[in-house]
């Protein structure tokens, strides 16, 4: 188990996967049922980078509170990817001020070229 929320696991020697809570499993099932009824929404996956704490922290303001809440939603999302190679989009947790964003992008490129 690893990741910001300890939800990523290796199952049966296969690729990494996300272990969803019961609530999140129900939410994913409801979304799948909506797609089966003819909803034309394409499923996408999001990989949440496990940034070091210094890159996740920032000034306290509404923007950082909003980012934290959005990040929690990303961690709980049923379409969250456990493997960055399988993701359609990527999330860098924490405030995105100019200098800090550059540092986050630099870290992500070094860790996942």
N, C-alpha and C. Protein backbone atom coordinates (compact mmCIF):
# COMPACT_ATOMS: atom_id res chain seq x y z
N UNK A 1 0.84 -1.18 0.00
CA UNK A 1 0.00 0.00 0.00
C UNK A 1 0.88 1.24 0.00
N UNK A 2 0.57 2.18 -0.89
CA UNK A 2 1.31 3.43 -0.91
C UNK A 2 0.45 4.51 -1.56
N UNK A 3 1.01 5.70 -1.68
CA UNK A 3 0.28 6.84 -2.22
C UNK A 3 -0.13 7.78 -1.10
N UNK A 4 -0.60 8.94 -1.45
CA UNK A 4 -0.98 9.94 -0.46
C UNK A 4 -2.03 9.43 0.52
N UNK A 5 -2.93 8.58 0.04
CA UNK A 5 -4.00 8.06 0.89
C UNK A 5 -3.85 6.56 1.17
N UNK A 6 -2.69 6.00 0.84
CA UNK A 6 -2.41 4.56 1.03
C UNK A 6 -3.45 3.69 0.35
N UNK A 7 -3.92 4.08 -0.82
CA UNK A 7 -4.96 3.32 -1.53
C UNK A 7 -4.41 2.57 -2.73
N UNK A 8 -3.14 2.76 -3.08
CA UNK A 8 -2.57 2.07 -4.24
C UNK A 8 -1.95 0.76 -3.76
N UNK A 9 -2.22 -0.30 -4.51
CA UNK A 9 -1.72 -1.62 -4.13
C UNK A 9 -1.34 -2.41 -5.38
N UNK A 10 -0.53 -3.42 -5.20
CA UNK A 10 -0.21 -4.37 -6.27
C UNK A 10 -1.08 -5.59 -6.04
N UNK A 11 -1.88 -5.95 -7.01
CA UNK A 11 -2.78 -7.08 -6.84
C UNK A 11 -2.39 -8.22 -7.77
N UNK A 12 -2.03 -9.33 -7.19
CA UNK A 12 -1.74 -10.53 -7.97
C UNK A 12 -0.60 -10.39 -8.96
N UNK A 13 0.38 -9.55 -8.68
CA UNK A 13 1.52 -9.39 -9.56
C UNK A 13 1.24 -8.57 -10.81
N UNK A 14 0.03 -8.07 -10.94
CA UNK A 14 -0.34 -7.25 -12.09
C UNK A 14 0.07 -5.80 -11.88
N UNK A 15 -0.51 -4.91 -12.69
CA UNK A 15 -0.18 -3.49 -12.53
C UNK A 15 -0.78 -2.93 -11.24
N UNK A 16 -0.30 -1.78 -10.79
CA UNK A 16 -0.87 -1.17 -9.58
C UNK A 16 -2.35 -0.88 -9.77
N UNK A 17 -3.10 -0.94 -8.67
CA UNK A 17 -4.53 -0.64 -8.73
C UNK A 17 -4.91 0.17 -7.50
N UNK A 18 -6.09 0.80 -7.58
CA UNK A 18 -6.61 1.61 -6.49
C UNK A 18 -7.63 0.79 -5.72
N UNK A 19 -7.50 0.75 -4.40
CA UNK A 19 -8.48 0.07 -3.54
C UNK A 19 -9.50 1.11 -3.10
N UNK A 20 -10.72 1.00 -3.61
CA UNK A 20 -11.78 1.95 -3.31
C UNK A 20 -12.51 1.57 -2.03
N UNK A 21 -13.00 2.57 -1.31
CA UNK A 21 -13.86 2.30 -0.15
C UNK A 21 -15.22 1.83 -0.65
N UNK A 22 -16.05 1.30 0.24
CA UNK A 22 -17.38 0.84 -0.16
C UNK A 22 -18.20 1.97 -0.77
N UNK A 23 -18.11 3.17 -0.20
CA UNK A 23 -18.85 4.33 -0.72
C UNK A 23 -18.39 4.66 -2.14
N UNK A 24 -17.07 4.63 -2.36
CA UNK A 24 -16.54 4.94 -3.67
C UNK A 24 -16.90 3.86 -4.69
N UNK A 25 -16.98 2.59 -4.24
CA UNK A 25 -17.40 1.51 -5.13
C UNK A 25 -18.85 1.71 -5.57
N UNK A 26 -19.73 2.14 -4.63
CA UNK A 26 -21.12 2.40 -4.98
C UNK A 26 -21.21 3.55 -5.98
N UNK A 27 -20.40 4.60 -5.76
CA UNK A 27 -20.39 5.75 -6.67
C UNK A 27 -19.92 5.34 -8.06
N UNK A 28 -18.90 4.49 -8.14
CA UNK A 28 -18.41 4.02 -9.44
C UNK A 28 -19.46 3.16 -10.13
N UNK A 29 -20.15 2.32 -9.35
CA UNK A 29 -21.21 1.48 -9.93
C UNK A 29 -22.35 2.33 -10.46
N UNK A 30 -22.71 3.39 -9.74
CA UNK A 30 -23.78 4.28 -10.20
C UNK A 30 -23.36 4.98 -11.49
N UNK A 31 -22.10 5.37 -11.58
CA UNK A 31 -21.61 6.00 -12.81
C UNK A 31 -21.62 5.04 -13.98
N UNK A 32 -21.26 3.77 -13.73
CA UNK A 32 -21.27 2.77 -14.79
C UNK A 32 -22.70 2.50 -15.25
N UNK A 33 -23.65 2.49 -14.30
CA UNK A 33 -25.06 2.28 -14.65
C UNK A 33 -25.56 3.42 -15.51
N UNK A 34 -25.14 4.65 -15.21
CA UNK A 34 -25.53 5.81 -16.02
C UNK A 34 -24.99 5.70 -17.44
N UNK A 35 -23.77 5.20 -17.59
CA UNK A 35 -23.20 5.02 -18.92
C UNK A 35 -23.94 3.92 -19.67
N UNK A 36 -24.34 2.88 -18.96
CA UNK A 36 -25.07 1.78 -19.61
C UNK A 36 -26.43 2.24 -20.12
N UNK A 37 -27.01 3.27 -19.48
CA UNK A 37 -28.32 3.78 -19.92
C UNK A 37 -28.19 4.71 -21.12
N UNK A 38 -26.99 4.89 -21.63
CA UNK A 38 -26.84 5.68 -22.84
C UNK A 38 -26.18 7.03 -22.64
N UNK A 39 -25.66 7.31 -21.47
CA UNK A 39 -24.95 8.57 -21.28
C UNK A 39 -23.70 8.53 -22.17
N UNK A 40 -23.38 9.63 -22.83
CA UNK A 40 -22.26 9.65 -23.77
C UNK A 40 -21.05 10.34 -23.18
N UNK A 41 -20.75 10.07 -21.95
CA UNK A 41 -19.59 10.65 -21.29
C UNK A 41 -18.42 9.67 -21.38
N UNK A 42 -17.31 10.10 -21.91
CA UNK A 42 -16.16 9.23 -22.02
C UNK A 42 -15.45 9.10 -20.67
N UNK A 43 -15.16 7.87 -20.22
CA UNK A 43 -14.44 7.73 -18.97
C UNK A 43 -12.98 8.13 -19.16
N UNK A 44 -12.49 8.92 -18.26
CA UNK A 44 -11.08 9.32 -18.27
C UNK A 44 -10.48 8.94 -16.94
N UNK A 45 -9.18 8.83 -16.90
CA UNK A 45 -8.52 8.50 -15.64
C UNK A 45 -7.54 9.62 -15.27
N UNK A 46 -7.36 9.79 -13.97
CA UNK A 46 -6.49 10.84 -13.44
C UNK A 46 -5.46 10.20 -12.52
N UNK A 47 -4.20 10.51 -12.74
CA UNK A 47 -3.14 10.05 -11.85
C UNK A 47 -2.79 11.20 -10.91
N UNK A 48 -2.80 10.95 -9.61
CA UNK A 48 -2.46 11.96 -8.61
C UNK A 48 -1.02 11.72 -8.19
N UNK A 49 -0.15 12.66 -8.53
CA UNK A 49 1.25 12.54 -8.15
C UNK A 49 1.41 12.59 -6.64
N UNK A 50 2.27 11.74 -6.12
CA UNK A 50 2.58 11.69 -4.69
C UNK A 50 3.76 12.63 -4.44
N UNK A 51 3.45 13.93 -4.43
CA UNK A 51 4.48 14.95 -4.27
C UNK A 51 5.06 14.96 -2.86
N UNK A 52 6.33 15.36 -2.72
CA UNK A 52 6.90 15.53 -1.38
C UNK A 52 6.13 16.62 -0.62
N UNK A 53 6.09 16.54 0.70
CA UNK A 53 5.31 17.52 1.50
C UNK A 53 5.65 18.98 1.21
N UNK A 54 6.92 19.29 0.99
CA UNK A 54 7.27 20.70 0.74
C UNK A 54 6.64 21.25 -0.53
N UNK A 55 6.38 20.39 -1.50
CA UNK A 55 5.75 20.83 -2.74
C UNK A 55 4.23 20.85 -2.65
N UNK A 56 3.67 20.16 -1.64
CA UNK A 56 2.22 20.17 -1.45
C UNK A 56 1.77 21.32 -0.57
N UNK A 57 2.65 21.86 0.24
CA UNK A 57 2.30 22.92 1.18
C UNK A 57 2.40 24.28 0.51
N UNK A 58 1.71 25.23 1.09
CA UNK A 58 1.76 26.58 0.55
C UNK A 58 1.13 27.53 1.54
N UNK A 59 0.90 28.75 1.08
CA UNK A 59 0.28 29.75 1.95
C UNK A 59 -1.16 29.36 2.26
N UNK A 60 -1.67 29.83 3.37
CA UNK A 60 -3.06 29.53 3.73
C UNK A 60 -3.95 30.63 3.17
N UNK A 61 -4.83 30.22 2.28
CA UNK A 61 -5.77 31.14 1.66
C UNK A 61 -6.91 30.31 1.11
N UNK A 62 -7.90 30.98 0.56
CA UNK A 62 -9.02 30.26 -0.05
C UNK A 62 -8.52 29.36 -1.17
N UNK A 63 -7.57 29.87 -1.96
CA UNK A 63 -7.06 29.09 -3.08
C UNK A 63 -6.45 27.77 -2.61
N UNK A 64 -5.65 27.80 -1.54
CA UNK A 64 -5.04 26.56 -1.06
C UNK A 64 -6.09 25.64 -0.43
N UNK A 65 -7.12 26.22 0.24
CA UNK A 65 -8.20 25.40 0.79
C UNK A 65 -8.94 24.70 -0.35
N UNK A 66 -9.26 25.45 -1.40
CA UNK A 66 -9.96 24.90 -2.55
C UNK A 66 -9.14 23.80 -3.21
N UNK A 67 -7.84 24.04 -3.35
CA UNK A 67 -6.96 23.04 -3.95
C UNK A 67 -6.93 21.77 -3.11
N UNK A 68 -6.88 21.92 -1.79
CA UNK A 68 -6.86 20.76 -0.90
C UNK A 68 -8.15 19.95 -1.04
N UNK A 69 -9.29 20.63 -1.07
CA UNK A 69 -10.57 19.93 -1.22
C UNK A 69 -10.67 19.24 -2.58
N UNK A 70 -10.21 19.91 -3.61
CA UNK A 70 -10.21 19.31 -4.95
C UNK A 70 -9.28 18.10 -4.99
N UNK A 71 -8.15 18.21 -4.33
CA UNK A 71 -7.21 17.09 -4.27
C UNK A 71 -7.81 15.89 -3.56
N UNK A 72 -8.56 16.12 -2.47
CA UNK A 72 -9.24 15.01 -1.79
C UNK A 72 -10.23 14.33 -2.72
N UNK A 73 -10.95 15.12 -3.52
CA UNK A 73 -11.89 14.54 -4.48
C UNK A 73 -11.15 13.70 -5.52
N UNK A 74 -10.00 14.18 -5.96
CA UNK A 74 -9.19 13.42 -6.93
C UNK A 74 -8.73 12.09 -6.34
N UNK A 75 -8.33 12.12 -5.06
CA UNK A 75 -7.87 10.89 -4.41
C UNK A 75 -9.01 9.88 -4.26
N UNK A 76 -10.23 10.34 -4.10
CA UNK A 76 -11.39 9.47 -3.90
C UNK A 76 -12.11 9.11 -5.19
N UNK A 77 -11.69 9.67 -6.30
CA UNK A 77 -12.42 9.49 -7.55
C UNK A 77 -12.32 8.04 -8.03
N UNK A 78 -13.44 7.45 -8.44
CA UNK A 78 -13.41 6.05 -8.88
C UNK A 78 -12.60 5.82 -10.15
N UNK A 79 -12.33 6.85 -10.92
CA UNK A 79 -11.53 6.68 -12.13
C UNK A 79 -10.08 7.13 -11.94
N UNK A 80 -9.65 7.17 -10.71
CA UNK A 80 -8.25 7.51 -10.41
C UNK A 80 -7.36 6.37 -10.89
N UNK A 81 -6.28 6.71 -11.57
CA UNK A 81 -5.34 5.71 -12.08
C UNK A 81 -4.24 5.45 -11.06
N UNK A 82 -3.86 4.21 -10.92
CA UNK A 82 -2.76 3.84 -10.03
C UNK A 82 -1.42 3.88 -10.76
N UNK A 83 -1.48 3.82 -12.08
CA UNK A 83 -0.28 3.78 -12.91
C UNK A 83 -0.27 5.03 -13.80
N UNK A 84 0.77 5.86 -13.72
CA UNK A 84 0.79 7.07 -14.54
C UNK A 84 0.74 6.78 -16.05
N UNK A 85 1.25 5.62 -16.46
CA UNK A 85 1.23 5.28 -17.89
C UNK A 85 -0.19 5.04 -18.39
N UNK A 86 -1.11 4.72 -17.49
CA UNK A 86 -2.49 4.44 -17.89
C UNK A 86 -3.40 5.66 -17.74
N UNK A 87 -2.87 6.78 -17.29
CA UNK A 87 -3.69 7.96 -17.01
C UNK A 87 -3.88 8.85 -18.24
N UNK A 88 -5.05 9.50 -18.27
CA UNK A 88 -5.32 10.49 -19.32
C UNK A 88 -4.91 11.89 -18.86
N UNK A 89 -5.07 12.16 -17.55
CA UNK A 89 -4.75 13.47 -16.97
C UNK A 89 -3.94 13.26 -15.69
N UNK A 90 -3.28 14.34 -15.25
CA UNK A 90 -2.41 14.27 -14.08
C UNK A 90 -2.74 15.41 -13.14
N UNK A 91 -2.64 15.13 -11.84
CA UNK A 91 -2.94 16.14 -10.82
C UNK A 91 -1.73 16.33 -9.92
N UNK A 92 -1.29 17.58 -9.79
CA UNK A 92 -0.20 17.95 -8.89
C UNK A 92 -0.83 18.65 -7.69
N UNK A 93 -0.88 17.97 -6.57
CA UNK A 93 -1.55 18.49 -5.38
C UNK A 93 -0.82 19.70 -4.81
N UNK A 94 -1.56 20.64 -4.30
CA UNK A 94 -0.99 21.80 -3.64
C UNK A 94 -1.18 23.07 -4.44
N UNK A 95 -0.97 24.21 -3.79
CA UNK A 95 -1.13 25.50 -4.45
C UNK A 95 -0.24 25.61 -5.68
N UNK A 96 -0.67 26.38 -6.63
CA UNK A 96 0.05 26.49 -7.90
C UNK A 96 0.55 27.90 -8.17
N UNK A 97 1.26 28.46 -7.22
CA UNK A 97 1.88 29.75 -7.47
C UNK A 97 2.98 29.54 -8.49
N UNK A 98 3.40 30.58 -9.15
CA UNK A 98 4.36 30.48 -10.25
C UNK A 98 5.60 29.65 -9.95
N UNK A 99 6.36 30.07 -8.94
CA UNK A 99 7.61 29.38 -8.62
C UNK A 99 7.35 27.95 -8.15
N UNK A 100 6.32 27.77 -7.34
CA UNK A 100 6.04 26.43 -6.81
C UNK A 100 5.58 25.49 -7.93
N UNK A 101 4.82 26.00 -8.87
CA UNK A 101 4.38 25.17 -9.99
C UNK A 101 5.57 24.71 -10.81
N UNK A 102 6.53 25.59 -11.05
CA UNK A 102 7.73 25.22 -11.79
C UNK A 102 8.48 24.12 -11.03
N UNK A 103 8.59 24.25 -9.71
CA UNK A 103 9.27 23.23 -8.91
C UNK A 103 8.53 21.89 -8.98
N UNK A 104 7.19 21.92 -8.95
CA UNK A 104 6.40 20.69 -9.05
C UNK A 104 6.62 20.01 -10.40
N UNK A 105 6.56 20.79 -11.47
CA UNK A 105 6.76 20.22 -12.80
C UNK A 105 8.16 19.65 -12.96
N UNK A 106 9.15 20.33 -12.42
CA UNK A 106 10.53 19.84 -12.47
C UNK A 106 10.63 18.51 -11.73
N UNK A 107 10.03 18.43 -10.54
CA UNK A 107 10.06 17.19 -9.75
C UNK A 107 9.37 16.06 -10.52
N UNK A 108 8.19 16.33 -11.09
CA UNK A 108 7.45 15.30 -11.81
C UNK A 108 8.24 14.79 -13.02
N UNK A 109 8.90 15.68 -13.72
CA UNK A 109 9.68 15.26 -14.90
C UNK A 109 10.90 14.44 -14.49
N UNK A 110 11.49 14.73 -13.33
CA UNK A 110 12.63 13.94 -12.86
C UNK A 110 12.18 12.56 -12.39
N UNK A 111 11.06 12.49 -11.68
CA UNK A 111 10.59 11.23 -11.12
C UNK A 111 9.93 10.34 -12.17
N UNK A 112 9.23 10.94 -13.12
CA UNK A 112 8.49 10.19 -14.15
C UNK A 112 8.81 10.77 -15.52
N UNK A 113 9.99 10.44 -16.06
CA UNK A 113 10.42 11.06 -17.34
C UNK A 113 9.52 10.75 -18.51
